Amino acid sequence: MRFTVDPEGLAALHDQLVGIQADMQNIGSFTGNHDPLDLGTNDDVFNSLQNFYNQWSNGLSIVTDDMTAIVESLATAAEGYAKTENSIVTAETPKGS
């Protein structure tokens, strides 16, 4: 059995997830940027959008928390594997080379 790890791949995945996480956090509130009257004289549409946004925000918060844990784990794993790989290379390098 053979086990291989690509520390650079882990680091690249980390960077991609950090970018996705930042994009998710930048999703703004539609209702925060509009007056209820922008959507008509009845507040029902505005209130429905506000309710949807609140639920969406709660869901994004959960996903963001999970992504934070994954991003931290990826960074730790990439760093650990890179250090181990460097230690192996150093140990295999003949002295005086």
C-alpha atoms as a PDB file:
ATOM      1  CA  MET A   1       0.000   0.000   0.000  1.00  0.00           C
ATOM      2  CA  ARG A   2       1.236   3.454  -0.868  1.00  0.00           C
ATOM      3  CA  PHE A   3       0.195   6.746   0.667  1.00  0.00           C
ATOM      4  CA  THR A   4       0.990  10.041  -1.001  1.00  0.00           C
ATOM      5  CA  VAL A   5       0.090  13.591  -0.100  1.00  0.00           C
ATOM      6  CA  ASP A   6       0.340  16.715  -2.194  1.00  0.00           C
ATOM      7  CA  PRO A   7       1.022  19.596   0.234  1.00  0.00           C
ATOM      8  CA  GLU A   8       0.821  22.111  -2.605  1.00  0.00           C
ATOM      9  CA  GLY A   9      -2.582  20.698  -3.578  1.00  0.00           C
ATOM     10  CA  LEU A  10      -3.785  21.038   0.005  1.00  0.00           C
ATOM     11  CA  ALA A  11      -2.513  24.613   0.099  1.00  0.00           C
ATOM     12  CA  ALA A  12      -4.232  25.386  -3.233  1.00  0.00           C
ATOM     13  CA  LEU A  13      -7.518  23.928  -1.980  1.00  0.00           C
ATOM     14  CA  HIS A  14      -7.127  26.007   1.182  1.00  0.00           C
ATOM     15  CA  ASP A  15      -6.686  29.169  -0.876  1.00  0.00           C
ATOM     16  CA  GLN A  16      -9.714  28.353  -3.047  1.00  0.00           C
ATOM     17  CA  LEU A  17     -11.922  27.773  -0.019  1.00  0.00           C
ATOM     18  CA  VAL A  18     -10.724  31.009   1.598  1.00  0.00           C
ATOM     19  CA  GLY A  19     -11.799  32.837  -1.581  1.00  0.00           C
ATOM     20  CA  ILE A  20     -15.201  31.134  -1.607  1.00  0.00           C
ATOM     21  CA  GLN A  21     -15.645  31.923   2.067  1.00  0.00           C
ATOM     22  CA  ALA A  22     -14.872  35.601   1.453  1.00  0.00           C
ATOM     23  CA  ASP A  23     -17.365  35.706  -1.422  1.00  0.00           C
ATOM     24  CA  MET A  24     -20.041  34.166   0.788  1.00  0.00           C
ATOM     25  CA  GLN A  25     -19.469  36.746   3.490  1.00  0.00           C
ATOM     26  CA  ASN A  26     -19.812  39.559   0.950  1.00  0.00           C
ATOM     27  CA  ILE A  27     -23.366  38.603   0.004  1.00  0.00           C
ATOM     28  CA  GLY A  28     -25.328  41.656   1.081  1.00  0.00           C
ATOM     29  CA  SER A  29     -28.835  42.170   2.282  1.00  0.00           C
ATOM     30  CA  PHE A  30     -31.231  43.114  -0.476  1.00  0.00           C
ATOM     31  CA  THR A  31     -33.629  44.639   2.000  1.00  0.00           C
ATOM     32  CA  GLY A  32     -30.898  46.637   3.695  1.00  0.00           C
ATOM     33  CA  ASN A  33     -30.334  48.499   0.447  1.00  0.00           C
ATOM     34  CA  HIS A  34     -33.982  49.179  -0.371  1.00  0.00           C
ATOM     35  CA  ASP A  35     -36.961  50.924   1.093  1.00  0.00           C
ATOM     36  CA  PRO A  36     -40.073  48.752   1.509  1.00  0.00           C
ATOM     37  CA  LEU A  37     -41.940  51.125  -0.808  1.00  0.00           C
ATOM     38  CA  ASP A  38     -39.480  50.304  -3.612  1.00  0.00           C
ATOM     39  CA  LEU A  39     -41.359  47.019  -3.970  1.00  0.00           C
ATOM     40  CA  GLY A  40     -44.863  48.428  -3.925  1.00  0.00           C
ATOM     41  CA  THR A  41     -47.353  49.771  -1.455  1.00  0.00           C
ATOM     42  CA  ASN A  42     -47.795  46.404   0.291  1.00  0.00           C
ATOM     43  CA  ASP A  43     -45.047  45.389   2.733  1.00  0.00           C
ATOM     44  CA  ASP A  44     -45.664  41.660   2.123  1.00  0.00           C
ATOM     45  CA  VAL A  45     -43.044  41.324  -0.625  1.00  0.00           C
ATOM     46  CA  PHE A  46     -40.470  43.279   1.345  1.00  0.00           C
ATOM     47  CA  ASN A  47     -41.173  41.285   4.516  1.00  0.00           C
ATOM     48  CA  SER A  48     -40.958  37.997   2.614  1.00  0.00           C
ATOM     49  CA  LEU A  49     -37.617  39.020   1.140  1.00  0.00           C
ATOM     50  CA  GLN A  50     -36.382  40.072   4.561  1.00  0.00           C
ATOM     51  CA  ASN A  51     -37.461  36.733   6.037  1.00  0.00           C
ATOM     52  CA  PHE A  52     -35.765  34.848   3.192  1.00  0.00           C
ATOM     53  CA  TYR A  53     -32.595  36.866   3.697  1.00  0.00           C
ATOM     54  CA  ASN A  54     -32.590  36.167   7.433  1.00  0.00           C
ATOM     55  CA  GLN A  55     -32.968  32.432   6.851  1.00  0.00           C
ATOM     56  CA  TRP A  56     -30.336  32.546   4.096  1.00  0.00           C
ATOM     57  CA  SER A  57     -27.952  34.401   6.405  1.00  0.00           C
ATOM     58  CA  ASN A  58     -28.425  31.823   9.157  1.00  0.00           C
ATOM     59  CA  GLY A  59     -27.662  29.027   6.689  1.00  0.00           C
ATOM     60  CA  LEU A  60     -24.607  30.849   5.360  1.00  0.00           C
ATOM     61  CA  SER A  61     -23.376  31.338   8.899  1.00  0.00           C
ATOM     62  CA  ILE A  62     -23.497  27.586   9.496  1.00  0.00           C
ATOM     63  CA  VAL A  63     -21.724  26.855   6.209  1.00  0.00           C
ATOM     64  CA  THR A  64     -19.132  29.552   6.926  1.00  0.00           C
ATOM     65  CA  ASP A  65     -18.390  28.086  10.351  1.00  0.00           C
ATOM     66  CA  ASP A  66     -17.924  24.646   8.799  1.00  0.00           C
ATOM     67  CA  MET A  67     -15.722  26.067   6.046  1.00  0.00           C
ATOM     68  CA  THR A  68     -13.598  27.845   8.643  1.00  0.00           C
ATOM     69  CA  ALA A  69     -12.933  24.525  10.356  1.00  0.00           C
ATOM     70  CA  ILE A  70     -12.083  22.870   7.025  1.00  0.00           C
ATOM     71  CA  VAL A  71      -9.789  25.731   5.988  1.00  0.00           C
ATOM     72  CA  GLU A  72      -7.947  25.569   9.307  1.00  0.00           C
ATOM     73  CA  SER A  73      -7.576  21.786   9.010  1.00  0.00           C
ATOM     74  CA  LEU A  74      -6.273  22.073   5.457  1.00  0.00           C
ATOM     75  CA  ALA A  75      -3.703  24.670   6.491  1.00  0.00           C
ATOM     76  CA  THR A  76      -2.555  22.509   9.405  1.00  0.00           C
ATOM     77  CA  ALA A  77      -2.375  19.386   7.240  1.00  0.00           C
ATOM     78  CA  ALA A  78      -0.474  21.114   4.431  1.00  0.00           C
ATOM     79  CA  GLU A  79       1.999  22.582   6.896  1.00  0.00           C
ATOM     80  CA  GLY A  80       2.487  19.268   8.692  1.00  0.00           C
ATOM     81  CA  TYR A  81       3.004  17.297   5.494  1.00  0.00           C
ATOM     82  CA  ALA A  82       5.413  19.907   4.129  1.00  0.00           C
ATOM     83  CA  LYS A  83       7.480  19.824   7.334  1.00  0.00           C
ATOM     84  CA  THR A  84       7.551  16.025   7.291  1.00  0.00           C
ATOM     85  CA  GLU A  85       8.581  15.989   3.641  1.00  0.00           C
ATOM     86  CA  ASN A  86      11.355  18.513   4.339  1.00  0.00           C
ATOM     87  CA  SER A  87      12.568  16.415   7.283  1.00  0.00           C
ATOM     88  CA  ILE A  88      12.701  13.310   5.094  1.00  0.00           C
ATOM     89  CA  VAL A  89      14.595  15.129   2.354  1.00  0.00           C
ATOM     90  CA  THR A  90      17.036  16.537   4.897  1.00  0.00           C
ATOM     91  CA  ALA A  91      17.573  13.112   6.482  1.00  0.00           C
ATOM     92  CA  GLU A  92      18.149  11.479   3.088  1.00  0.00           C
ATOM     93  CA  THR A  93      20.644  14.129   1.935  1.00  0.00           C
ATOM     94  CA  PRO A  94      24.182  12.839   2.383  1.00  0.00           C
ATOM     95  CA  LYS A  95      26.249  14.890   4.780  1.00  0.00           C
ATOM     96  CA  GLY A  96      28.665  17.206   3.046  1.00  0.00           C
ATOM     97  CA  SER A  97      26.512  17.521  -0.098  1.00  0.00           C
END
